[in-house]
Amino acid sequence: MRGILFAFLGGACITLQGVANTWISHDIGTWQAATVTQLIGFILAAFVWMFTKDGRVAEMKQVKPMYLWGGAFAAIIIFSEVTAIQHIGVTFTISALLIAQLCLTFMVDIKGWFGIVKQKMKLPQFIGIGMMIAGVIILKL
């Protein structure tokens, strides 16, 4: 249950961040909005880290360098989401974003990328994605 609550919180925050970044980008530009919001996010994360003392800096050396680049995806995410919202609106952008996430996570699960245990996907999972895609197409019409 806790995982579902955090998933909903994260999803809500992604949407709110996208809308906020879109408005910020109108005033200062898209890459500037990405920079400002990531800086504020870094400061908040560092602040929470200091209070929770969850892990040590020395442990970061154990992380594969490839995974440290994960944060760079945030800049691309923000730019892409803001640009999409400006062109197609919030609802369609988030719908397309979720489908893209789901399709890529299917590939990660099926192929076992990044050390994830391979999962067997069955017809119901593929039907579910197909229904989501159909729903987004209907939503856009």
Protein backbone atom coordinates (compact mmCIF):
# COMPACT_ATOMS: atom_id res chain seq x y z
CA MET A 1 0.00 0.00 0.00
CA ARG A 2 2.83 2.37 0.85
CA GLY A 3 4.36 1.85 -2.61
CA ILE A 4 1.08 2.74 -4.31
CA LEU A 5 0.76 5.92 -2.24
CA PHE A 6 4.29 7.00 -3.16
CA ALA A 7 3.59 6.18 -6.83
CA PHE A 8 0.51 8.42 -6.77
CA LEU A 9 2.45 11.16 -4.99
CA GLY A 10 5.25 10.94 -7.55
CA GLY A 11 2.79 10.98 -10.46
CA ALA A 12 0.99 14.01 -9.05
CA CYS A 13 4.29 15.83 -8.53
CA ILE A 14 5.44 15.07 -12.08
CA THR A 15 2.26 16.67 -13.41
CA LEU A 16 2.51 19.69 -11.10
CA GLN A 17 6.18 20.14 -11.92
CA GLY A 18 5.43 20.02 -15.65
CA VAL A 19 2.77 22.71 -15.36
CA ALA A 20 4.94 24.89 -13.09
CA ASN A 21 7.95 24.53 -15.39
CA THR A 22 5.80 25.49 -18.37
CA TRP A 23 4.82 28.75 -16.68
CA ILE A 24 8.37 29.41 -15.53
CA SER A 25 9.62 28.80 -19.08
CA HIS A 26 7.29 31.52 -20.40
CA ASP A 27 9.16 34.03 -18.24
CA ILE A 28 12.77 32.84 -18.41
CA GLY A 29 13.03 30.09 -21.05
CA THR A 30 12.77 26.31 -21.02
CA TRP A 31 16.40 25.41 -20.25
CA GLN A 32 16.53 28.12 -17.60
CA ALA A 33 13.36 26.69 -16.02
CA ALA A 34 14.94 23.23 -16.04
CA THR A 35 18.07 24.61 -14.40
CA VAL A 36 16.20 26.50 -11.69
CA THR A 37 13.86 23.65 -10.81
CA GLN A 38 16.64 21.07 -10.76
CA LEU A 39 18.73 23.33 -8.52
CA ILE A 40 15.81 23.76 -6.12
CA GLY A 41 15.21 19.99 -6.26
CA PHE A 42 18.88 19.35 -5.48
CA ILE A 43 18.75 21.71 -2.52
CA LEU A 44 15.61 20.04 -1.17
CA ALA A 45 17.04 16.54 -1.66
CA ALA A 46 20.31 17.56 0.05
CA PHE A 47 18.35 19.09 2.93
CA VAL A 48 16.26 15.92 3.40
CA TRP A 49 19.42 13.80 3.10
CA MET A 50 21.09 15.80 5.88
CA PHE A 51 18.15 15.21 8.21
CA THR A 52 17.60 11.54 7.40
CA LYS A 53 21.33 10.71 7.19
CA ASP A 54 20.33 7.98 4.74
CA GLY A 55 23.67 6.67 3.44
CA ARG A 56 27.13 8.22 3.26
CA VAL A 57 28.94 10.15 0.55
CA ALA A 58 31.66 7.47 0.48
CA GLU A 59 29.04 4.92 -0.61
CA MET A 60 28.53 6.86 -3.86
CA LYS A 61 31.84 5.46 -5.09
CA GLN A 62 30.16 2.06 -5.27
CA VAL A 63 27.60 3.29 -7.82
CA LYS A 64 28.39 2.44 -11.43
CA PRO A 65 29.24 5.68 -13.28
CA MET A 66 26.63 4.86 -15.93
CA TYR A 67 23.88 5.14 -13.31
CA LEU A 68 25.12 8.50 -12.07
CA TRP A 69 24.08 9.93 -15.42
CA GLY A 70 20.45 9.23 -14.47
CA GLY A 71 20.13 12.76 -13.16
CA ALA A 72 20.99 14.12 -16.60
CA PHE A 73 17.78 12.58 -17.87
CA ALA A 74 15.90 15.08 -15.69
CA ALA A 75 17.02 17.96 -17.91
CA ILE A 76 15.73 16.16 -20.99
CA ILE A 77 12.52 15.20 -19.19
CA ILE A 78 11.82 18.78 -18.15
CA PHE A 79 12.61 20.23 -21.57
CA SER A 80 10.53 17.61 -23.38
CA GLU A 81 7.58 17.84 -21.01
CA VAL A 82 7.48 21.64 -21.05
CA THR A 83 7.74 21.76 -24.83
CA ALA A 84 5.02 19.11 -25.21
CA ILE A 85 2.69 20.91 -22.78
CA GLN A 86 3.12 24.12 -24.76
CA HIS A 87 2.17 22.31 -27.98
CA ILE A 88 -0.45 19.73 -26.99
CA GLY A 89 -1.62 20.59 -23.46
CA VAL A 90 -1.19 18.98 -20.06
CA THR A 91 -3.60 16.04 -20.33
CA PHE A 92 -2.35 14.72 -23.65
CA THR A 93 1.29 15.30 -22.68
CA ILE A 94 1.00 13.35 -19.43
CA SER A 95 -0.97 10.60 -21.18
CA ALA A 96 1.71 10.21 -23.85
CA LEU A 97 4.44 10.42 -21.22
CA LEU A 98 2.86 7.60 -19.22
CA ILE A 99 2.53 5.39 -22.29
CA ALA A 100 6.18 6.02 -23.19
CA GLN A 101 7.20 5.15 -19.63
CA LEU A 102 5.11 2.01 -19.62
CA CYS A 103 6.40 0.81 -23.00
CA LEU A 104 10.02 1.35 -21.98
CA THR A 105 9.50 -0.34 -18.62
CA PHE A 106 8.04 -3.31 -20.48
CA MET A 107 11.28 -3.53 -22.43
CA VAL A 108 13.34 -3.23 -19.24
CA ASP A 109 11.31 -6.01 -17.61
CA ILE A 110 11.27 -8.29 -20.66
CA LYS A 111 14.97 -7.87 -21.47
CA GLY A 112 16.22 -7.68 -17.88
CA TRP A 113 18.13 -4.45 -18.52
CA PHE A 114 20.02 -2.75 -15.66
CA GLY A 115 20.15 -5.98 -13.67
CA ILE A 116 16.38 -6.25 -13.31
CA VAL A 117 15.08 -9.82 -13.10
CA LYS A 118 13.44 -10.68 -16.43
CA GLN A 119 9.65 -10.79 -16.37
CA LYS A 120 7.39 -12.74 -18.67
CA MET A 121 4.71 -10.49 -20.12
CA LYS A 122 1.49 -12.16 -21.14
CA LEU A 123 -1.37 -11.18 -23.39
CA PRO A 124 -3.31 -9.27 -20.68
CA GLN A 125 -0.38 -6.89 -20.15
CA PHE A 126 -0.11 -6.20 -23.89
CA ILE A 127 -3.88 -5.71 -24.13
CA GLY A 128 -3.66 -3.26 -21.23
CA ILE A 129 -1.03 -1.15 -23.00
CA GLY A 130 -3.03 -1.33 -26.21
CA MET A 131 -6.10 -0.07 -24.37
CA MET A 132 -4.12 2.81 -22.88
CA ILE A 133 -2.82 3.78 -26.31
CA ALA A 134 -6.34 3.56 -27.74
CA GLY A 135 -7.59 5.69 -24.85
CA VAL A 136 -5.03 8.41 -25.57
CA ILE A 137 -5.94 8.39 -29.25
CA ILE A 138 -9.61 8.72 -28.34
CA LEU A 139 -8.74 11.47 -25.86
CA LYS A 140 -6.93 13.41 -28.58
CA LEU A 141 -9.86 13.11 -31.00
